[in-house]
Amino acid sequence: QYMIVGGMPQAVETYINTKSFEQTDRIKRDILNLYRSDIRKYAKGVES
């Protein structure tokens, strides 16, 4: 379960509350998309 859920606190909380790997995966993807958004915002000219 830990290997699938990972250690991101928000993902762990979602898993505890829902026992759904699908909902937990959605949370992890949202977090990673926020990281990508930050990267794009500050990597002027070399975003991709």
All heavy atoms as atom14 arrays in JSON, in Angstrom:
{
  "sequence": "QYMIVGGMPQAVETYINTKSFEQTDRIKRDILNLYRSDIRKYAKGVES",
  "atom14_mask": [
    [1, 1, 1, 1, 1, 1, 1, 1, 1, 0, 0, 0, 0, 0],
    [1, 1, 1, 1, 1, 1, 1, 1, 1, 1, 1, 1, 0, 0],
    [1, 1, 1, 1, 1, 1, 1, 1, 0, 0, 0, 0, 0, 0],
    [1, 1, 1, 1, 1, 1, 1, 1, 0, 0, 0, 0, 0, 0],
    [1, 1, 1, 1, 1, 1, 1, 0, 0, 0, 0, 0, 0, 0],
    [1, 1, 1, 1, 0, 0, 0, 0, 0, 0, 0, 0, 0, 0],
    [1, 1, 1, 1, 0, 0, 0, 0, 0, 0, 0, 0, 0, 0],
    [1, 1, 1, 1, 1, 1, 1, 1, 0, 0, 0, 0, 0, 0],
    [1, 1, 1, 1, 1, 1, 1, 0, 0, 0, 0, 0, 0, 0],
    [1, 1, 1, 1, 1, 1, 1, 1, 1, 0, 0, 0, 0, 0],
    [1, 1, 1, 1, 1, 0, 0, 0, 0, 0, 0, 0, 0, 0],
    [1, 1, 1, 1, 1, 1, 1, 0, 0, 0, 0, 0, 0, 0],
    [1, 1, 1, 1, 1, 1, 1, 1, 1, 0, 0, 0, 0, 0],
    [1, 1, 1, 1, 1, 1, 1, 0, 0, 0, 0, 0, 0, 0],
    [1, 1, 1, 1, 1, 1, 1, 1, 1, 1, 1, 1, 0, 0],
    [1, 1, 1, 1, 1, 1, 1, 1, 0, 0, 0, 0, 0, 0],
    [1, 1, 1, 1, 1, 1, 1, 1, 0, 0, 0, 0, 0, 0],
    [1, 1, 1, 1, 1, 1, 1, 0, 0, 0, 0, 0, 0, 0],
    [1, 1, 1, 1, 1, 1, 1, 1, 1, 0, 0, 0, 0, 0],
    [1, 1, 1, 1, 1, 1, 0, 0, 0, 0, 0, 0, 0, 0],
    [1, 1, 1, 1, 1, 1, 1, 1, 1, 1, 1, 0, 0, 0],
    [1, 1, 1, 1, 1, 1, 1, 1, 1, 0, 0, 0, 0, 0],
    [1, 1, 1, 1, 1, 1, 1, 1, 1, 0, 0, 0, 0, 0],
    [1, 1, 1, 1, 1, 1, 1, 0, 0, 0, 0, 0, 0, 0],
    [1, 1, 1, 1, 1, 1, 1, 1, 0, 0, 0, 0, 0, 0],
    [1, 1, 1, 1, 1, 1, 1, 1, 1, 1, 1, 0, 0, 0],
    [1, 1, 1, 1, 1, 1, 1, 1, 0, 0, 0, 0, 0, 0],
    [1, 1, 1, 1, 1, 1, 1, 1, 1, 0, 0, 0, 0, 0],
    [1, 1, 1, 1, 1, 1, 1, 1, 1, 1, 1, 0, 0, 0],
    [1, 1, 1, 1, 1, 1, 1, 1, 0, 0, 0, 0, 0, 0],
    [1, 1, 1, 1, 1, 1, 1, 1, 0, 0, 0, 0, 0, 0],
    [1, 1, 1, 1, 1, 1, 1, 1, 0, 0, 0, 0, 0, 0],
    [1, 1, 1, 1, 1, 1, 1, 1, 0, 0, 0, 0, 0, 0],
    [1, 1, 1, 1, 1, 1, 1, 1, 0, 0, 0, 0, 0, 0],
    [1, 1, 1, 1, 1, 1, 1, 1, 1, 1, 1, 1, 0, 0],
    [1, 1, 1, 1, 1, 1, 1, 1, 1, 1, 1, 0, 0, 0],
    [1, 1, 1, 1, 1, 1, 0, 0, 0, 0, 0, 0, 0, 0],
    [1, 1, 1, 1, 1, 1, 1, 1, 0, 0, 0, 0, 0, 0],
    [1, 1, 1, 1, 1, 1, 1, 1, 0, 0, 0, 0, 0, 0],
    [1, 1, 1, 1, 1, 1, 1, 1, 1, 1, 1, 0, 0, 0],
    [1, 1, 1, 1, 1, 1, 1, 1, 1, 0, 0, 0, 0, 0],
    [1, 1, 1, 1, 1, 1, 1, 1, 1, 1, 1, 1, 0, 0],
    [1, 1, 1, 1, 1, 0, 0, 0, 0, 0, 0, 0, 0, 0],
    [1, 1, 1, 1, 1, 1, 1, 1, 1, 0, 0, 0, 0, 0],
    [1, 1, 1, 1, 0, 0, 0, 0, 0, 0, 0, 0, 0, 0],
    [1, 1, 1, 1, 1, 1, 1, 0, 0, 0, 0, 0, 0, 0],
    [1, 1, 1, 1, 1, 1, 1, 1, 1, 0, 0, 0, 0, 0],
    [1, 1, 1, 1, 1, 1, 0, 0, 0, 0, 0, 0, 0, 0]
  ],
  "atom14_positions": [
    [[0.84, -1.2, 0.0], [0.0, 0.0, 0.0], [0.87, 1.25, 0.0], [0.61, 2.2, -0.76], [-0.92, 0.02, 1.22], [-2.02, -1.01, 1.19], [-2.78, -1.06, 2.49], [-3.21, -0.03, 2.99], [-2.94, -2.25, 3.04], [0.0, 0.0, 0.0], [0.0, 0.0, 0.0], [0.0, 0.0, 0.0], [0.0, 0.0, 0.0], [0.0, 0.0, 0.0]],
    [[1.91, 1.24, 0.84], [2.83, 2.38, 0.91], [3.52, 2.62, -0.43], [3.67, 3.75, -0.87], [3.86, 2.16, 2.02], [4.94, 3.22, 2.07], [4.65, 4.51, 2.48], [6.26, 2.92, 1.69], [5.64, 5.48, 2.53], [7.25, 3.89, 1.73], [6.94, 5.17, 2.15], [7.91, 6.13, 2.19], [0.0, 0.0, 0.0], [0.0, 0.0, 0.0]],
    [[3.93, 1.54, -1.1], [4.6, 1.68, -2.39], [3.66, 2.29, -3.44], [4.1, 3.02, -4.31], [5.13, 0.33, -2.88], [6.24, -0.25, -2.01], [7.67, 0.85, -1.83], [8.32, 0.8, -3.49], [0.0, 0.0, 0.0], [0.0, 0.0, 0.0], [0.0, 0.0, 0.0], [0.0, 0.0, 0.0], [0.0, 0.0, 0.0], [0.0, 0.0, 0.0]],
    [[2.4, 2.01, -3.35], [1.42, 2.56, -4.3], [1.03, 3.99, -3.9], [1.0, 4.88, -4.74], [0.17, 1.66, -4.39], [0.55, 0.31, -4.99], [-0.92, 2.33, -5.22], [-0.54, -0.74, -4.86], [0.0, 0.0, 0.0], [0.0, 0.0, 0.0], [0.0, 0.0, 0.0], [0.0, 0.0, 0.0], [0.0, 0.0, 0.0], [0.0, 0.0, 0.0]],
    [[0.75, 4.2, -2.64], [0.28, 5.51, -2.16], [1.41, 6.51, -2.1], [1.26, 7.68, -2.45], [-0.4, 5.36, -0.77], [-0.72, 6.72, -0.17], [-1.65, 4.51, -0.89], [0.0, 0.0, 0.0], [0.0, 0.0, 0.0], [0.0, 0.0, 0.0], [0.0, 0.0, 0.0], [0.0, 0.0, 0.0], [0.0, 0.0, 0.0], [0.0, 0.0, 0.0]],
    [[2.59, 6.07, -1.66], [3.72, 6.97, -1.51], [3.67, 7.69, -0.17], [2.89, 7.34, 0.7], [0.0, 0.0, 0.0], [0.0, 0.0, 0.0], [0.0, 0.0, 0.0], [0.0, 0.0, 0.0], [0.0, 0.0, 0.0], [0.0, 0.0, 0.0], [0.0, 0.0, 0.0], [0.0, 0.0, 0.0], [0.0, 0.0, 0.0], [0.0, 0.0, 0.0]],
    [[4.48, 8.72, -0.06], [4.61, 9.4, 1.22], [4.13, 10.84, 1.23], [4.36, 11.55, 2.21], [0.0, 0.0, 0.0], [0.0, 0.0, 0.0], [0.0, 0.0, 0.0], [0.0, 0.0, 0.0], [0.0, 0.0, 0.0], [0.0, 0.0, 0.0], [0.0, 0.0, 0.0], [0.0, 0.0, 0.0], [0.0, 0.0, 0.0], [0.0, 0.0, 0.0]],
    [[3.46, 11.29, 0.16], [2.93, 12.66, 0.18], [1.77, 12.71, 1.18], [0.79, 11.97, 1.02], [2.45, 13.07, -1.2], [3.53, 13.19, -2.24], [2.76, 13.59, -3.83], [4.21, 13.65, -4.88], [0.0, 0.0, 0.0], [0.0, 0.0, 0.0], [0.0, 0.0, 0.0], [0.0, 0.0, 0.0], [0.0, 0.0, 0.0], [0.0, 0.0, 0.0]],
    [[1.87, 13.55, 2.21], [0.84, 13.56, 3.25], [-0.59, 13.69, 2.73], [-1.49, 13.0, 3.21], [1.23, 14.76, 4.13], [2.72, 14.83, 3.97], [2.98, 14.47, 2.53], [0.0, 0.0, 0.0], [0.0, 0.0, 0.0], [0.0, 0.0, 0.0], [0.0, 0.0, 0.0], [0.0, 0.0, 0.0], [0.0, 0.0, 0.0], [0.0, 0.0, 0.0]],
    [[-0.82, 14.53, 1.74], [-2.18, 14.7, 1.21], [-2.66, 13.41, 0.54], [-3.83, 13.04, 0.66], [-2.24, 15.87, 0.25], [-3.64, 16.22, -0.19], [-3.69, 17.41, -1.12], [-2.67, 17.94, -1.53], [-4.9, 17.82, -1.47], [0.0, 0.0, 0.0], [0.0, 0.0, 0.0], [0.0, 0.0, 0.0], [0.0, 0.0, 0.0], [0.0, 0.0, 0.0]],
    [[-1.77, 12.72, -0.15], [-2.13, 11.45, -0.78], [-2.42, 10.39, 0.28], [-3.39, 9.63, 0.15], [-1.01, 10.98, -1.71], [0.0, 0.0, 0.0], [0.0, 0.0, 0.0], [0.0, 0.0, 0.0], [0.0, 0.0, 0.0], [0.0, 0.0, 0.0], [0.0, 0.0, 0.0], [0.0, 0.0, 0.0], [0.0, 0.0, 0.0], [0.0, 0.0, 0.0]],
    [[-1.61, 10.35, 1.33], [-1.83, 9.38, 2.41], [-3.17, 9.66, 3.08], [-3.96, 8.74, 3.33], [-0.67, 9.41, 3.43], [-0.99, 8.53, 4.64], [0.63, 8.97, 2.78], [0.0, 0.0, 0.0], [0.0, 0.0, 0.0], [0.0, 0.0, 0.0], [0.0, 0.0, 0.0], [0.0, 0.0, 0.0], [0.0, 0.0, 0.0], [0.0, 0.0, 0.0]],
    [[-3.45, 10.92, 3.34], [-4.73, 11.29, 3.96], [-5.91, 10.87, 3.08], [-6.9, 10.33, 3.57], [-4.79, 12.79, 4.22], [-6.09, 13.24, 4.86], [-6.17, 14.75, 5.03], [-5.77, 15.5, 4.11], [-6.65, 15.16, 6.1], [0.0, 0.0, 0.0], [0.0, 0.0, 0.0], [0.0, 0.0, 0.0], [0.0, 0.0, 0.0], [0.0, 0.0, 0.0]],
    [[-5.79, 11.1, 1.79], [-6.85, 10.7, 0.86], [-7.04, 9.19, 0.9], [-8.18, 8.7, 0.94], [-6.52, 11.17, -0.57], [-6.42, 12.59, -0.57], [-7.58, 10.73, -1.57], [0.0, 0.0, 0.0], [0.0, 0.0, 0.0], [0.0, 0.0, 0.0], [0.0, 0.0, 0.0], [0.0, 0.0, 0.0], [0.0, 0.0, 0.0], [0.0, 0.0, 0.0]],
    [[-5.94, 8.45, 0.9], [-6.05, 6.99, 0.95], [-6.71, 6.52, 2.25], [-7.58, 5.64, 2.23], [-4.68, 6.33, 0.77], [-4.78, 4.83, 0.79], [-5.38, 4.15, -0.26], [-4.33, 4.1, 1.88], [-5.52, 2.77, -0.23], [-4.45, 2.72, 1.91], [-5.05, 2.07, 0.86], [-5.2, 0.7, 0.9], [0.0, 0.0, 0.0], [0.0, 0.0, 0.0]],
    [[-6.31, 7.11, 3.36], [-6.89, 6.72, 4.65], [-8.4, 6.97, 4.65], [-9.17, 6.14, 5.12], [-6.21, 7.48, 5.8], [-4.78, 6.95, 6.0], [-7.0, 7.37, 7.1], [-3.93, 7.8, 6.9], [0.0, 0.0, 0.0], [0.0, 0.0, 0.0], [0.0, 0.0, 0.0], [0.0, 0.0, 0.0], [0.0, 0.0, 0.0], [0.0, 0.0, 0.0]],
    [[-8.8, 8.12, 4.1], [-10.22, 8.49, 4.12], [-11.06, 7.73, 3.1], [-12.26, 7.54, 3.32], [-10.39, 9.99, 3.91], [-9.85, 10.78, 5.08], [-9.82, 10.31, 6.21], [-9.42, 11.99, 4.82], [0.0, 0.0, 0.0], [0.0, 0.0, 0.0], [0.0, 0.0, 0.0], [0.0, 0.0, 0.0], [0.0, 0.0, 0.0], [0.0, 0.0, 0.0]],
    [[-10.46, 7.32, 1.99], [-11.26, 6.72, 0.91], [-10.92, 5.26, 0.62], [-11.74, 4.56, 0.02], [-11.05, 7.5, -0.41], [-9.7, 7.33, -0.84], [-11.37, 8.97, -0.24], [0.0, 0.0, 0.0], [0.0, 0.0, 0.0], [0.0, 0.0, 0.0], [0.0, 0.0, 0.0], [0.0, 0.0, 0.0], [0.0, 0.0, 0.0], [0.0, 0.0, 0.0]],
    [[-9.73, 4.82, 1.0], [-9.21, 3.49, 0.64], [-9.24, 3.28, -0.88], [-9.3, 2.16, -1.37], [-9.98, 2.37, 1.33], [-9.84, 2.36, 2.83], [-8.44, 2.07, 3.27], [-8.34, 1.88, 4.75], [-7.64, 2.94, 5.44], [0.0, 0.0, 0.0], [0.0, 0.0, 0.0], [0.0, 0.0, 0.0], [0.0, 0.0, 0.0], [0.0, 0.0, 0.0]],
    [[-9.19, 4.38, -1.63], [-9.25, 4.33, -3.08], [-7.9, 4.71, -3.68], [-7.46, 5.85, -3.54], [-10.34, 5.29, -3.59], [-10.2, 5.5, -4.98], [0.0, 0.0, 0.0], [0.0, 0.0, 0.0], [0.0, 0.0, 0.0], [0.0, 0.0, 0.0], [0.0, 0.0, 0.0], [0.0, 0.0, 0.0], [0.0, 0.0, 0.0], [0.0, 0.0, 0.0]],
    [[-7.28, 3.74, -4.36], [-6.02, 4.05, -5.05], [-6.26, 5.05, -6.18], [-5.41, 5.88, -6.47], [-5.37, 2.78, -5.59], [-4.84, 1.87, -4.51], [-5.31, 0.57, -4.39], [-3.88, 2.31, -3.62], [-4.82, -0.27, -3.4], [-3.39, 1.48, -2.62], [-3.86, 0.19, -2.51], [0.0, 0.0, 0.0], [0.0, 0.0, 0.0], [0.0, 0.0, 0.0]],
    [[-7.44, 4.97, -6.8], [-7.75, 5.88, -7.91], [-7.82, 7.33, -7.43], [-7.23, 8.22, -8.04], [-9.08, 5.47, -8.54], [-9.45, 6.28, -9.77], [-10.76, 5.83, -10.38], [-11.15, 4.66, -10.21], [-11.38, 6.67, -11.04], [0.0, 0.0, 0.0], [0.0, 0.0, 0.0], [0.0, 0.0, 0.0], [0.0, 0.0, 0.0], [0.0, 0.0, 0.0]],
    [[-8.54, 7.58, -6.35], [-8.62, 8.94, -5.82], [-7.27, 9.42, -5.3], [-6.91, 10.59, -5.46], [-9.67, 9.02, -4.71], [-11.09, 8.91, -5.24], [-12.12, 9.02, -4.13], [-11.92, 9.75, -3.17], [-13.22, 8.3, -4.27], [0.0, 0.0, 0.0], [0.0, 0.0, 0.0], [0.0, 0.0, 0.0], [0.0, 0.0, 0.0], [0.0, 0.0, 0.0]],
    [[-6.51, 8.52, -4.7], [-5.18, 8.86, -4.2], [-4.26, 9.22, -5.37], [-3.51, 10.2, -5.3], [-4.6, 7.67, -3.4], [-5.49, 7.37, -2.33], [-3.23, 7.99, -2.85], [0.0, 0.0, 0.0], [0.0, 0.0, 0.0], [0.0, 0.0, 0.0], [0.0, 0.0, 0.0], [0.0, 0.0, 0.0], [0.0, 0.0, 0.0], [0.0, 0.0, 0.0]],
    [[-4.34, 8.46, -6.45], [-3.53, 8.75, -7.63], [-3.88, 10.12, -8.21], [-3.0, 10.86, -8.64], [-3.72, 7.66, -8.68], [-2.74, 7.8, -9.82], [-1.52, 7.82, -9.56], [-3.19, 7.92, -10.98], [0.0, 0.0, 0.0], [0.0, 0.0, 0.0], [0.0, 0.0, 0.0], [0.0, 0.0, 0.0], [0.0, 0.0, 0.0], [0.0, 0.0, 0.0]],
    [[-5.16, 10.46, -8.2], [-5.58, 11.78, -8.68], [-4.92, 12.9, -7.87], [-4.46, 13.9, -8.43], [-7.11, 11.9, -8.59], [-7.73, 12.34, -9.89], [-9.24, 12.44, -9.84], [-9.81, 11.13, -10.06], [-10.78, 10.58, -9.34], [-11.33, 11.23, -8.35], [-11.21, 9.37, -9.61], [0.0, 0.0, 0.0], [0.0, 0.0, 0.0], [0.0, 0.0, 0.0]],
    [[-4.87, 12.73, -6.57], [-4.23, 13.73, -5.69], [-2.75, 13.84, -6.02], [-2.21, 14.95, -6.14], [-4.42, 13.35, -4.2], [-5.89, 13.44, -3.8], [-3.55, 14.2, -3.29], [-6.51, 14.82, -3.9], [0.0, 0.0, 0.0], [0.0, 0.0, 0.0], [0.0, 0.0, 0.0], [0.0, 0.0, 0.0], [0.0, 0.0, 0.0], [0.0, 0.0, 0.0]],
    [[-2.07, 12.7, -6.19], [-0.63, 12.73, -6.52], [-0.41, 13.42, -7.85], [0.53, 14.23, -7.99], [-0.05, 11.32, -6.54], [0.0, 10.68, -5.17], [0.79, 9.4, -5.14], [0.22, 8.31, -5.99], [0.91, 7.03, -5.86], [0.0, 0.0, 0.0], [0.0, 0.0, 0.0], [0.0, 0.0, 0.0], [0.0, 0.0, 0.0], [0.0, 0.0, 0.0]],
    [[-1.24, 13.14, -8.83], [-1.11, 13.8, -10.14], [-1.35, 15.3, -10.03], [-0.66, 16.09, -10.68], [-2.07, 13.17, -11.15], [-1.64, 11.78, -11.56], [-2.65, 11.14, -12.53], [-2.38, 9.74, -12.73], [-1.45, 9.26, -13.55], [-0.71, 10.09, -14.25], [-1.25, 7.97, -13.66], [0.0, 0.0, 0.0], [0.0, 0.0, 0.0], [0.0, 0.0, 0.0]],
    [[-2.31, 15.71, -9.2], [-2.56, 17.14, -8.99], [-1.33, 17.82, -8.39], [-0.95, 18.93, -8.8], [-3.77, 17.36, -8.08], [-5.1, 17.02, -8.73], [-5.13, 16.83, -9.97], [-6.1, 16.93, -7.99], [0.0, 0.0, 0.0], [0.0, 0.0, 0.0], [0.0, 0.0, 0.0], [0.0, 0.0, 0.0], [0.0, 0.0, 0.0], [0.0, 0.0, 0.0]],
    [[-0.71, 17.17, -7.43], [0.5, 17.73, -6.79], [1.62, 17.86, -7.82], [2.28, 18.9, -7.91], [0.93, 16.87, -5.58], [-0.11, 16.97, -4.46], [2.32, 17.3, -5.08], [0.07, 15.94, -3.35], [0.0, 0.0, 0.0], [0.0, 0.0, 0.0], [0.0, 0.0, 0.0], [0.0, 0.0, 0.0], [0.0, 0.0, 0.0], [0.0, 0.0, 0.0]],
    [[1.83, 16.81, -8.6], [2.88, 16.86, -9.63], [2.58, 17.94, -10.67], [3.5, 18.61, -11.15], [3.05, 15.5, -10.29], [3.65, 14.42, -9.38], [3.61, 13.06, -10.06], [5.06, 14.78, -8.97], [0.0, 0.0, 0.0], [0.0, 0.0, 0.0], [0.0, 0.0, 0.0], [0.0, 0.0, 0.0], [0.0, 0.0, 0.0], [0.0, 0.0, 0.0]],
    [[1.32, 18.13, -11.01], [0.96, 19.19, -11.95], [1.23, 20.57, -11.37], [1.62, 21.49, -12.09], [-0.49, 19.06, -12.41], [-0.66, 17.94, -13.41], [0.27, 17.6, -14.15], [-1.83, 17.34, -13.43], [0.0, 0.0, 0.0], [0.0, 0.0, 0.0], [0.0, 0.0, 0.0], [0.0, 0.0, 0.0], [0.0, 0.0, 0.0], [0.0, 0.0, 0.0]],
    [[1.05, 20.73, -10.06], [1.41, 22.0, -9.41], [2.92, 22.24, -9.5], [3.37, 23.36, -9.75], [0.97, 22.01, -7.94], [-0.51, 22.2, -7.69], [-0.83, 22.01, -6.22], [-0.97, 23.58, -8.15], [0.0, 0.0, 0.0], [0.0, 0.0, 0.0], [0.0, 0.0, 0.0], [0.0, 0.0, 0.0], [0.0, 0.0, 0.0], [0.0, 0.0, 0.0]],
    [[3.71, 21.18, -9.31], [5.17, 21.3, -9.46], [5.52, 21.72, -10.89], [6.33, 22.62, -11.1], [5.88, 19.98, -9.15], [5.85, 19.53, -7.7], [6.19, 18.23, -7.37], [5.5, 20.39, -6.66], [6.18, 17.79, -6.06], [5.48, 19.96, -5.35], [5.82, 18.66, -5.06], [5.82, 18.23, -3.77], [0.0, 0.0, 0.0], [0.0, 0.0, 0.0]],
    [[4.89, 21.07, -11.87], [5.16, 21.41, -13.27], [4.77, 22.86, -13.56], [5.45, 23.56, -14.29], [4.41, 20.47, -14.2], [5.01, 19.09, -14.27], [4.27, 18.2, -15.28], [4.7, 16.84, -15.13], [4.05, 15.93, -14.4], [2.93, 16.23, -13.77], [4.53, 14.69, -14.3], [0.0, 0.0, 0.0], [0.0, 0.0, 0.0], [0.0, 0.0, 0.0]],
    [[3.66, 23.29, -12.99], [3.21, 24.67, -13.17], [4.23, 25.66, -12.61], [4.55, 26.67, -13.24], [1.85, 24.86, -12.49], [1.42, 26.18, -12.58], [0.0, 0.0, 0.0], [0.0, 0.0, 0.0], [0.0, 0.0, 0.0], [0.0, 0.0, 0.0], [0.0, 0.0, 0.0], [0.0, 0.0, 0.0], [0.0, 0.0, 0.0], [0.0, 0.0, 0.0]],
    [[4.76, 25.36, -11.43], [5.81, 26.19, -10.84], [7.04, 26.23, -11.74], [7.63, 27.28, -11.96], [6.23, 25.65, -9.46], [5.62, 26.43, -8.32], [4.85, 27.37, -8.57], [5.93, 26.1, -7.17], [0.0, 0.0, 0.0], [0.0, 0.0, 0.0], [0.0, 0.0, 0.0], [0.0, 0.0, 0.0], [0.0, 0.0, 0.0], [0.0, 0.0, 0.0]],
    [[7.42, 25.07, -12.27], [8.59, 24.99, -13.15], [8.37, 25.86, -14.37], [9.24, 26.66, -14.75], [8.86, 23.52, -13.55], [9.38, 22.74, -12.35], [9.84, 23.45, -14.71], [9.41, 21.23, -12.57], [0.0, 0.0, 0.0], [0.0, 0.0, 0.0], [0.0, 0.0, 0.0], [0.0, 0.0, 0.0], [0.0, 0.0, 0.0], [0.0, 0.0, 0.0]],
    [[7.21, 25.73, -15.0], [6.93, 26.52, -16.21], [6.94, 28.02, -15.92], [7.38, 28.82, -16.74], [5.58, 26.12, -16.8], [5.62, 24.83, -17.57], [4.28, 24.56, -18.26], [4.18, 23.17, -18.62], [3.59, 22.24, -17.87], [2.99, 22.55, -16.74], [3.57, 20.99, -18.26], [0.0, 0.0, 0.0], [0.0, 0.0, 0.0], [0.0, 0.0, 0.0]],
    [[6.44, 28.37, -14.75], [6.33, 29.78, -14.39], [7.7, 30.45, -14.29], [7.85, 31.62, -14.64], [5.61, 29.88, -13.04], [4.98, 31.23, -12.78], [4.31, 31.31, -11.41], [3.45, 30.14, -11.06], [2.87, 30.2, -9.72], [0.0, 0.0, 0.0], [0.0, 0.0, 0.0], [0.0, 0.0, 0.0], [0.0, 0.0, 0.0], [0.0, 0.0, 0.0]],
    [[8.7, 29.71, -13.84], [10.0, 30.33, -13.56], [11.12, 29.88, -14.48], [12.23, 30.38, -14.36], [10.38, 30.09, -12.1], [9.34, 30.63, -11.16], [8.53, 29.79, -10.41], [9.12, 32.01, -11.07], [7.54, 30.3, -9.56], [8.14, 32.52, -10.24], [7.37, 31.66, -9.49], [6.4, 32.16, -8.67], [0.0, 0.0, 0.0], [0.0, 0.0, 0.0]],
    [[10.86, 28.98, -15.4], [11.9, 28.5, -16.33], [11.76, 29.22, -17.66], [11.64, 28.6, -18.7], [11.79, 26.99, -16.5], [0.0, 0.0, 0.0], [0.0, 0.0, 0.0], [0.0, 0.0, 0.0], [0.0, 0.0, 0.0], [0.0, 0.0, 0.0], [0.0, 0.0, 0.0], [0.0, 0.0, 0.0], [0.0, 0.0, 0.0], [0.0, 0.0, 0.0]],
    [[11.77, 30.51, -17.6], [11.53, 31.34, -18.79], [12.39, 30.91, -19.97], [13.6, 30.86, -19.88], [11.82, 32.81, -18.47], [11.06, 33.35, -17.29], [9.7, 33.84, -17.7], [9.02, 34.59, -16.58], [8.0, 33.92, -15.91], [0.0, 0.0, 0.0], [0.0, 0.0, 0.0], [0.0, 0.0, 0.0], [0.0, 0.0, 0.0], [0.0, 0.0, 0.0]],
    [[11.73, 30.59, -21.07], [12.42, 30.25, -22.3], [12.84, 28.8, -22.44], [13.14, 28.35, -23.54], [0.0, 0.0, 0.0], [0.0, 0.0, 0.0], [0.0, 0.0, 0.0], [0.0, 0.0, 0.0], [0.0, 0.0, 0.0], [0.0, 0.0, 0.0], [0.0, 0.0, 0.0], [0.0, 0.0, 0.0], [0.0, 0.0, 0.0], [0.0, 0.0, 0.0]],
    [[12.88, 28.06, -21.34], [13.29, 26.65, -21.41], [12.27, 25.76, -20.69], [12.62, 24.68, -20.2], [14.71, 26.44, -20.82], [15.77, 27.03, -21.71], [14.8, 26.98, -19.41], [0.0, 0.0, 0.0], [0.0, 0.0, 0.0], [0.0, 0.0, 0.0], [0.0, 0.0, 0.0], [0.0, 0.0, 0.0], [0.0, 0.0, 0.0], [0.0, 0.0, 0.0]],
    [[11.03, 26.21, -20.66], [10.0, 25.52, -19.9], [9.88, 24.05, -20.26], [9.91, 23.18, -19.38], [8.62, 26.18, -20.1], [8.52, 27.59, -19.6], [8.87, 28.64, -20.66], [9.56, 28.29, -21.65], [8.47, 29.78, -20.5], [0.0, 0.0, 0.0], [0.0, 0.0, 0.0], [0.0, 0.0, 0.0], [0.0, 0.0, 0.0], [0.0, 0.0, 0.0]],
    [[9.76, 23.76, -21.56], [9.53, 22.37, -21.95], [10.73, 21.48, -21.63], [10.56, 20.33, -21.21], [9.16, 22.26, -23.43], [10.21, 22.74, -24.24], [0.0, 0.0, 0.0], [0.0, 0.0, 0.0], [0.0, 0.0, 0.0], [0.0, 0.0, 0.0], [0.0, 0.0, 0.0], [0.0, 0.0, 0.0], [0.0, 0.0, 0.0], [0.0, 0.0, 0.0]]
  ]
}
